[in-house]
Amino acid sequence: MELKQQIKRFVENLAVQFAVDAVRSYLLHRLENITAADCYTAIKNKVNLWQITPDSDKTYIIKKILPRFRKLVIRYMDDITPQLVLEWLRRDRPDLADVIEKKNQWAYADYEKEEAYKWLASQVENIKANIKAVLSRAS
């Protein structure tokens, strides 16, 4: 591989990592005031997180994040999976991961572990679908 291609790949990988870090940081910021009990309630009530996301946050995503990382979002959005988000939660918010995985004090919660994971998967897919809709209108 020639040097020019190596540099291009390095810069692209760096941009991808920066975009992932931005998404992860934003997610953590949004989850700051969310408790494990809130997560439990959202799972039990099948809360749609996109619907309850404040318009100001949606505007921030649409006007600040997407234009800056549009190509990367389009190219790598499908790599953001429920499993990846759960891994982030395990590292950054283990209390929320415990609710979804029915661990520790949530082991006897009155829902099935599969129900909680399906809820997480539906949230990830719904958010991605809404972002894709915004991107398709912008192109």
N, C-alpha and C. Protein backbone atom coordinates (compact mmCIF):
# COMPACT_ATOMS: atom_id res chain seq x y z
N MET A 1 0.85 -1.17 0.00
CA MET A 1 0.00 0.00 0.00
C MET A 1 0.90 1.24 0.00
N GLU A 2 0.58 2.16 -0.87
CA GLU A 2 1.42 3.34 -0.94
C GLU A 2 1.11 4.31 0.19
N LEU A 3 2.05 5.20 0.45
CA LEU A 3 1.98 6.12 1.58
C LEU A 3 0.71 6.97 1.54
N LYS A 4 0.34 7.44 0.39
CA LYS A 4 -0.85 8.29 0.26
C LYS A 4 -2.10 7.54 0.74
N GLN A 5 -2.22 6.28 0.38
CA GLN A 5 -3.37 5.48 0.81
C GLN A 5 -3.32 5.22 2.31
N GLN A 6 -2.13 4.99 2.83
CA GLN A 6 -1.98 4.76 4.27
C GLN A 6 -2.39 5.99 5.07
N ILE A 7 -1.98 7.14 4.59
CA ILE A 7 -2.34 8.39 5.27
C ILE A 7 -3.85 8.62 5.20
N LYS A 8 -4.42 8.37 4.03
CA LYS A 8 -5.87 8.53 3.86
C LYS A 8 -6.62 7.60 4.81
N ARG A 9 -6.20 6.35 4.90
CA ARG A 9 -6.85 5.39 5.79
C ARG A 9 -6.69 5.81 7.26
N PHE A 10 -5.49 6.28 7.60
CA PHE A 10 -5.24 6.73 8.98
C PHE A 10 -6.17 7.89 9.34
N VAL A 11 -6.26 8.87 8.46
CA VAL A 11 -7.11 10.04 8.72
C VAL A 11 -8.58 9.62 8.82
N GLU A 12 -9.00 8.73 7.94
CA GLU A 12 -10.38 8.26 7.97
C GLU A 12 -10.66 7.51 9.28
N ASN A 13 -9.74 6.64 9.70
CA ASN A 13 -9.92 5.91 10.96
C ASN A 13 -9.95 6.87 12.14
N LEU A 14 -9.12 7.89 12.09
CA LEU A 14 -9.11 8.89 13.14
C LEU A 14 -10.45 9.63 13.18
N ALA A 15 -10.98 9.98 12.02
CA ALA A 15 -12.27 10.67 11.95
C ALA A 15 -13.39 9.77 12.47
N VAL A 16 -13.34 8.49 12.12
CA VAL A 16 -14.35 7.55 12.61
C VAL A 16 -14.28 7.47 14.13
N GLN A 17 -13.09 7.35 14.67
CA GLN A 17 -12.94 7.27 16.13
C GLN A 17 -13.44 8.54 16.79
N PHE A 18 -13.15 9.68 16.19
CA PHE A 18 -13.62 10.95 16.73
C PHE A 18 -15.15 10.99 16.72
N ALA A 19 -15.75 10.55 15.62
CA ALA A 19 -17.21 10.54 15.50
C ALA A 19 -17.83 9.60 16.55
N VAL A 20 -17.25 8.42 16.70
CA VAL A 20 -17.74 7.46 17.69
C VAL A 20 -17.63 8.06 19.10
N ASP A 21 -16.49 8.68 19.39
CA ASP A 21 -16.30 9.31 20.69
C ASP A 21 -17.33 10.43 20.92
N ALA A 22 -17.63 11.18 19.86
CA ALA A 22 -18.62 12.26 19.98
C ALA A 22 -20.00 11.68 20.28
N VAL A 23 -20.38 10.62 19.58
CA VAL A 23 -21.68 9.98 19.80
C VAL A 23 -21.75 9.41 21.22
N ARG A 24 -20.69 8.72 21.60
CA ARG A 24 -20.66 8.10 22.93
C ARG A 24 -20.70 9.16 24.03
N SER A 25 -19.95 10.23 23.87
CA SER A 25 -19.94 11.31 24.85
C SER A 25 -21.32 11.95 24.96
N TYR A 26 -21.95 12.16 23.81
CA TYR A 26 -23.27 12.77 23.81
C TYR A 26 -24.28 11.85 24.50
N LEU A 27 -24.20 10.56 24.20
CA LEU A 27 -25.08 9.58 24.83
C LEU A 27 -24.91 9.61 26.35
N LEU A 28 -23.66 9.62 26.80
CA LEU A 28 -23.39 9.66 28.24
C LEU A 28 -23.92 10.94 28.87
N HIS A 29 -23.76 12.04 28.17
CA HIS A 29 -24.29 13.31 28.66
C HIS A 29 -25.81 13.22 28.83
N ARG A 30 -26.48 12.65 27.85
CA ARG A 30 -27.94 12.53 27.89
C ARG A 30 -28.40 11.58 29.00
N LEU A 31 -27.53 10.64 29.38
CA LEU A 31 -27.90 9.66 30.40
C LEU A 31 -27.51 10.08 31.82
N GLU A 32 -26.90 11.25 31.95
CA GLU A 32 -26.40 11.69 33.27
C GLU A 32 -27.46 11.63 34.36
N ASN A 33 -28.66 12.08 34.06
CA ASN A 33 -29.71 12.17 35.08
C ASN A 33 -30.66 10.98 35.05
N ILE A 34 -30.35 9.97 34.26
CA ILE A 34 -31.19 8.78 34.15
C ILE A 34 -30.72 7.76 35.19
N THR A 35 -31.65 7.29 35.96
CA THR A 35 -31.32 6.30 36.99
C THR A 35 -31.66 4.90 36.48
N ALA A 36 -31.20 3.91 37.21
CA ALA A 36 -31.54 2.52 36.87
C ALA A 36 -33.05 2.33 36.96
N ALA A 37 -33.68 2.97 37.93
CA ALA A 37 -35.14 2.87 38.06
C ALA A 37 -35.84 3.48 36.85
N ASP A 38 -35.29 4.58 36.32
CA ASP A 38 -35.85 5.19 35.10
C ASP A 38 -35.73 4.22 33.93
N CYS A 39 -34.61 3.55 33.84
CA CYS A 39 -34.39 2.58 32.77
C CYS A 39 -35.39 1.44 32.89
N TYR A 40 -35.59 0.94 34.10
CA TYR A 40 -36.57 -0.11 34.35
C TYR A 40 -37.96 0.33 33.90
N THR A 41 -38.36 1.53 34.28
CA THR A 41 -39.67 2.06 33.91
C THR A 41 -39.80 2.17 32.39
N ALA A 42 -38.75 2.62 31.73
CA ALA A 42 -38.77 2.74 30.27
C ALA A 42 -38.95 1.38 29.61
N ILE A 43 -38.28 0.37 30.13
CA ILE A 43 -38.42 -0.98 29.57
C ILE A 43 -39.84 -1.49 29.80
N LYS A 44 -40.31 -1.38 31.03
CA LYS A 44 -41.65 -1.89 31.37
C LYS A 44 -42.74 -1.20 30.57
N ASN A 45 -42.59 0.11 30.35
CA ASN A 45 -43.62 0.89 29.65
C ASN A 45 -43.35 1.02 28.15
N LYS A 46 -42.30 0.35 27.69
CA LYS A 46 -41.92 0.39 26.27
C LYS A 46 -41.84 1.83 25.76
N VAL A 47 -41.15 2.64 26.53
CA VAL A 47 -40.98 4.06 26.20
C VAL A 47 -40.14 4.19 24.93
N ASN A 48 -40.59 5.05 24.04
CA ASN A 48 -39.86 5.36 22.81
C ASN A 48 -38.95 6.55 23.11
N LEU A 49 -37.66 6.28 23.19
CA LEU A 49 -36.71 7.33 23.59
C LEU A 49 -36.64 8.48 22.60
N TRP A 50 -36.80 8.21 21.31
CA TRP A 50 -36.75 9.30 20.33
C TRP A 50 -37.93 10.25 20.54
N GLN A 51 -39.10 9.69 20.86
CA GLN A 51 -40.28 10.53 21.06
C GLN A 51 -40.15 11.43 22.28
N ILE A 52 -39.44 10.97 23.30
CA ILE A 52 -39.32 11.80 24.51
C ILE A 52 -38.03 12.63 24.53
N THR A 53 -37.23 12.48 23.47
CA THR A 53 -36.02 13.31 23.38
C THR A 53 -36.45 14.75 23.13
N PRO A 54 -35.97 15.68 23.93
CA PRO A 54 -36.35 17.09 23.73
C PRO A 54 -35.99 17.58 22.33
N ASP A 55 -36.83 18.45 21.80
CA ASP A 55 -36.58 19.00 20.47
C ASP A 55 -35.23 19.69 20.38
N SER A 56 -34.80 20.31 21.48
CA SER A 56 -33.50 21.00 21.47
C SER A 56 -32.37 20.00 21.22
N ASP A 57 -32.49 18.80 21.76
CA ASP A 57 -31.47 17.77 21.54
C ASP A 57 -31.52 17.26 20.10
N LYS A 58 -32.73 17.08 19.59
CA LYS A 58 -32.86 16.64 18.19
C LYS A 58 -32.27 17.69 17.26
N THR A 59 -32.53 18.94 17.55
CA THR A 59 -31.98 20.03 16.74
C THR A 59 -30.46 20.02 16.79
N TYR A 60 -29.90 19.80 17.97
CA TYR A 60 -28.44 19.73 18.11
C TYR A 60 -27.88 18.61 17.24
N ILE A 61 -28.50 17.44 17.30
CA ILE A 61 -28.05 16.30 16.50
C ILE A 61 -28.15 16.63 15.01
N ILE A 62 -29.28 17.18 14.61
CA ILE A 62 -29.56 17.44 13.19
C ILE A 62 -28.69 18.58 12.65
N LYS A 63 -28.50 19.64 13.43
CA LYS A 63 -27.80 20.81 12.92
C LYS A 63 -26.30 20.84 13.22
N LYS A 64 -25.87 20.15 14.27
CA LYS A 64 -24.46 20.22 14.66
C LYS A 64 -23.68 18.93 14.35
N ILE A 65 -24.24 17.80 14.77
CA ILE A 65 -23.50 16.55 14.62
C ILE A 65 -23.59 15.99 13.20
N LEU A 66 -24.81 15.87 12.68
CA LEU A 66 -24.96 15.23 11.36
C LEU A 66 -24.24 15.96 10.23
N PRO A 67 -24.34 17.29 10.13
CA PRO A 67 -23.62 17.93 9.03
C PRO A 67 -22.11 17.72 9.10
N ARG A 68 -21.60 17.70 10.31
CA ARG A 68 -20.16 17.56 10.51
C ARG A 68 -19.65 16.16 10.15
N PHE A 69 -20.47 15.16 10.43
CA PHE A 69 -20.06 13.77 10.26
C PHE A 69 -20.95 13.01 9.28
N ARG A 70 -21.63 13.72 8.39
CA ARG A 70 -22.63 13.11 7.51
C ARG A 70 -22.10 11.87 6.79
N LYS A 71 -20.97 11.98 6.10
CA LYS A 71 -20.43 10.86 5.34
C LYS A 71 -20.11 9.67 6.25
N LEU A 72 -19.53 9.96 7.40
CA LEU A 72 -19.19 8.89 8.34
C LEU A 72 -20.44 8.24 8.91
N VAL A 73 -21.44 9.06 9.22
CA VAL A 73 -22.69 8.51 9.75
C VAL A 73 -23.33 7.58 8.73
N ILE A 74 -23.40 8.03 7.49
CA ILE A 74 -23.98 7.19 6.44
C ILE A 74 -23.20 5.89 6.29
N ARG A 75 -21.91 6.00 6.30
CA ARG A 75 -21.06 4.83 6.05
C ARG A 75 -21.04 3.84 7.22
N TYR A 76 -21.08 4.34 8.45
CA TYR A 76 -20.86 3.47 9.60
C TYR A 76 -22.07 3.33 10.53
N MET A 77 -23.20 3.92 10.19
CA MET A 77 -24.35 3.85 11.09
C MET A 77 -24.77 2.42 11.40
N ASP A 78 -24.69 1.55 10.42
CA ASP A 78 -25.11 0.17 10.66
C ASP A 78 -24.17 -0.57 11.61
N ASP A 79 -22.99 0.00 11.86
CA ASP A 79 -22.07 -0.61 12.81
C ASP A 79 -22.46 -0.32 14.26
N ILE A 80 -23.35 0.64 14.44
CA ILE A 80 -23.85 0.92 15.79
C ILE A 80 -24.99 -0.05 16.04
N THR A 81 -24.72 -1.02 16.86
CA THR A 81 -25.66 -2.10 17.14
C THR A 81 -26.10 -2.04 18.60
N PRO A 82 -27.19 -2.72 18.92
CA PRO A 82 -27.59 -2.80 20.33
C PRO A 82 -26.48 -3.41 21.18
N GLN A 83 -25.77 -4.38 20.64
CA GLN A 83 -24.68 -5.01 21.39
C GLN A 83 -23.57 -4.01 21.69
N LEU A 84 -23.24 -3.15 20.71
CA LEU A 84 -22.23 -2.13 20.93
C LEU A 84 -22.69 -1.13 21.99
N VAL A 85 -23.93 -0.69 21.91
CA VAL A 85 -24.46 0.26 22.90
C VAL A 85 -24.46 -0.38 24.28
N LEU A 86 -24.82 -1.65 24.35
CA LEU A 86 -24.80 -2.35 25.64
C LEU A 86 -23.37 -2.44 26.18
N GLU A 87 -22.41 -2.65 25.29
CA GLU A 87 -21.00 -2.67 25.71
C GLU A 87 -20.59 -1.30 26.27
N TRP A 88 -21.01 -0.23 25.60
CA TRP A 88 -20.73 1.11 26.12
C TRP A 88 -21.34 1.29 27.50
N LEU A 89 -22.58 0.83 27.65
CA LEU A 89 -23.25 0.95 28.95
C LEU A 89 -22.53 0.13 30.02
N ARG A 90 -22.07 -1.05 29.66
CA ARG A 90 -21.33 -1.86 30.65
C ARG A 90 -20.12 -1.10 31.17
N ARG A 91 -19.43 -0.40 30.27
CA ARG A 91 -18.22 0.35 30.67
C ARG A 91 -18.55 1.65 31.37
N ASP A 92 -19.52 2.39 30.85
CA ASP A 92 -19.76 3.75 31.31
C ASP A 92 -20.92 3.91 32.28
N ARG A 93 -21.93 3.05 32.14
CA ARG A 93 -23.10 3.10 33.03
C ARG A 93 -23.53 1.68 33.37
N PRO A 94 -22.71 0.99 34.16
CA PRO A 94 -23.03 -0.40 34.49
C PRO A 94 -24.37 -0.56 35.20
N ASP A 95 -24.83 0.49 35.88
CA ASP A 95 -26.14 0.41 36.54
C ASP A 95 -27.26 0.23 35.52
N LEU A 96 -27.16 0.90 34.37
CA LEU A 96 -28.17 0.76 33.33
C LEU A 96 -28.02 -0.58 32.61
N ALA A 97 -26.78 -0.99 32.39
CA ALA A 97 -26.54 -2.30 31.76
C ALA A 97 -27.12 -3.41 32.64
N ASP A 98 -26.98 -3.27 33.96
CA ASP A 98 -27.53 -4.28 34.87
C ASP A 98 -29.04 -4.41 34.71
N VAL A 99 -29.73 -3.31 34.52
CA VAL A 99 -31.18 -3.35 34.33
C VAL A 99 -31.50 -4.13 33.05
N ILE A 100 -30.80 -3.83 31.99
CA ILE A 100 -31.06 -4.48 30.70
C ILE A 100 -30.69 -5.96 30.75
N GLU A 101 -29.61 -6.27 31.45
CA GLU A 101 -29.15 -7.66 31.50
C GLU A 101 -29.68 -8.43 32.72
N LYS A 102 -30.52 -7.78 33.52
CA LYS A 102 -31.11 -8.39 34.72
C LYS A 102 -30.02 -8.96 35.63
N LYS A 103 -29.10 -8.10 36.01
CA LYS A 103 -28.01 -8.52 36.91
C LYS A 103 -28.14 -7.79 38.24
N ASN A 104 -27.42 -8.32 39.23
CA ASN A 104 -27.36 -7.74 40.56
C ASN A 104 -28.76 -7.51 41.13
N GLN A 105 -29.04 -6.31 41.60
CA GLN A 105 -30.35 -6.09 42.24
C GLN A 105 -31.52 -6.18 41.26
N TRP A 106 -31.25 -6.21 39.97
CA TRP A 106 -32.31 -6.29 38.96
C TRP A 106 -32.55 -7.73 38.51
N ALA A 107 -31.88 -8.69 39.10
CA ALA A 107 -32.00 -10.10 38.69
C ALA A 107 -33.43 -10.62 38.80
N TYR A 108 -34.20 -10.06 39.72
CA TYR A 108 -35.57 -10.56 39.93
C TYR A 108 -36.63 -9.58 39.43
N ALA A 109 -36.22 -8.67 38.58
CA ALA A 109 -37.18 -7.71 38.02
C ALA A 109 -38.26 -8.46 37.25
N ASP A 110 -39.44 -7.86 37.19
CA ASP A 110 -40.60 -8.55 36.60
C ASP A 110 -40.71 -8.35 35.08
N TYR A 111 -39.65 -8.67 34.39
CA TYR A 111 -39.62 -8.72 32.94
C TYR A 111 -38.56 -9.73 32.54
N GLU A 112 -38.65 -10.18 31.32
CA GLU A 112 -37.66 -11.15 30.82
C GLU A 112 -36.44 -10.40 30.29
N LYS A 113 -35.28 -10.99 30.45
CA LYS A 113 -34.04 -10.39 29.95
C LYS A 113 -34.17 -10.11 28.45
N GLU A 114 -34.78 -11.04 27.73
CA GLU A 114 -34.95 -10.86 26.28
C GLU A 114 -35.83 -9.66 25.98
N GLU A 115 -36.83 -9.40 26.83
CA GLU A 115 -37.70 -8.24 26.65
C GLU A 115 -36.90 -6.95 26.77
N ALA A 116 -36.00 -6.90 27.73
CA ALA A 116 -35.18 -5.70 27.94
C ALA A 116 -34.23 -5.49 26.76
N TYR A 117 -33.62 -6.57 26.28
CA TYR A 117 -32.71 -6.44 25.15
C TYR A 117 -33.47 -6.04 23.88
N LYS A 118 -34.66 -6.61 23.69
CA LYS A 118 -35.49 -6.22 22.53
C LYS A 118 -35.85 -4.74 22.61
N TRP A 119 -36.12 -4.26 23.82
CA TRP A 119 -36.42 -2.85 23.98
C TRP A 119 -35.21 -2.01 23.57
N LEU A 120 -34.03 -2.38 24.06
CA LEU A 120 -32.81 -1.65 23.69
C LEU A 120 -32.60 -1.68 22.18
N ALA A 121 -32.75 -2.85 21.59
CA ALA A 121 -32.56 -3.00 20.14
C ALA A 121 -33.55 -2.11 19.38
N SER A 122 -34.80 -2.09 19.84
CA SER A 122 -35.80 -1.26 19.15
C SER A 122 -35.46 0.22 19.28
N GLN A 123 -34.89 0.63 20.42
CA GLN A 123 -34.50 2.03 20.59
C GLN A 123 -33.35 2.41 19.66
N VAL A 124 -32.35 1.55 19.60
CA VAL A 124 -31.19 1.81 18.72
C VAL A 124 -31.66 1.89 17.27
N GLU A 125 -32.48 0.94 16.85
CA GLU A 125 -32.95 0.93 15.46
C GLU A 125 -33.86 2.12 15.16
N ASN A 126 -34.71 2.49 16.11
CA ASN A 126 -35.60 3.62 15.92
C ASN A 126 -34.82 4.93 15.79
N ILE A 127 -33.84 5.11 16.63
CA ILE A 127 -33.02 6.33 16.57
C ILE A 127 -32.26 6.38 15.24
N LYS A 128 -31.70 5.25 14.85
CA LYS A 128 -30.99 5.21 13.56
C LYS A 128 -31.94 5.51 12.40
N ALA A 129 -33.15 4.97 12.44
CA ALA A 129 -34.14 5.22 11.38
C ALA A 129 -34.49 6.71 11.31
N ASN A 130 -34.65 7.34 12.46
CA ASN A 130 -34.96 8.77 12.48
C ASN A 130 -33.80 9.59 11.94
N ILE A 131 -32.59 9.22 12.27
CA ILE A 131 -31.42 9.93 11.75
C ILE A 131 -31.29 9.72 10.24
N LYS A 132 -31.53 8.50 9.78
CA LYS A 132 -31.49 8.23 8.34
C LYS A 132 -32.55 9.04 7.60
N ALA A 133 -33.71 9.20 8.21
CA ALA A 133 -34.78 10.00 7.59
C ALA A 133 -34.33 11.46 7.45
N VAL A 134 -33.69 11.96 8.48
CA VAL A 134 -33.18 13.34 8.43
C VAL A 134 -32.13 13.45 7.34
N LEU A 135 -31.24 12.49 7.25
CA LEU A 135 -30.18 12.52 6.23
C LEU A 135 -30.75 12.43 4.82
N SER A 136 -31.80 11.65 4.65
CA SER A 136 -32.37 11.51 3.29
C SER A 136 -33.09 12.78 2.87
N ARG A 137 -33.67 13.50 3.84
CA ARG A 137 -34.31 14.79 3.50
C ARG A 137 -33.28 15.85 3.18
N ALA A 138 -32.09 15.73 3.79
CA ALA A 138 -31.04 16.74 3.62
C ALA A 138 -30.27 16.55 2.32
N SER A 139 -30.42 15.39 1.69
CA SER A 139 -29.61 15.17 0.48
C SER A 139 -30.33 15.56 -0.78
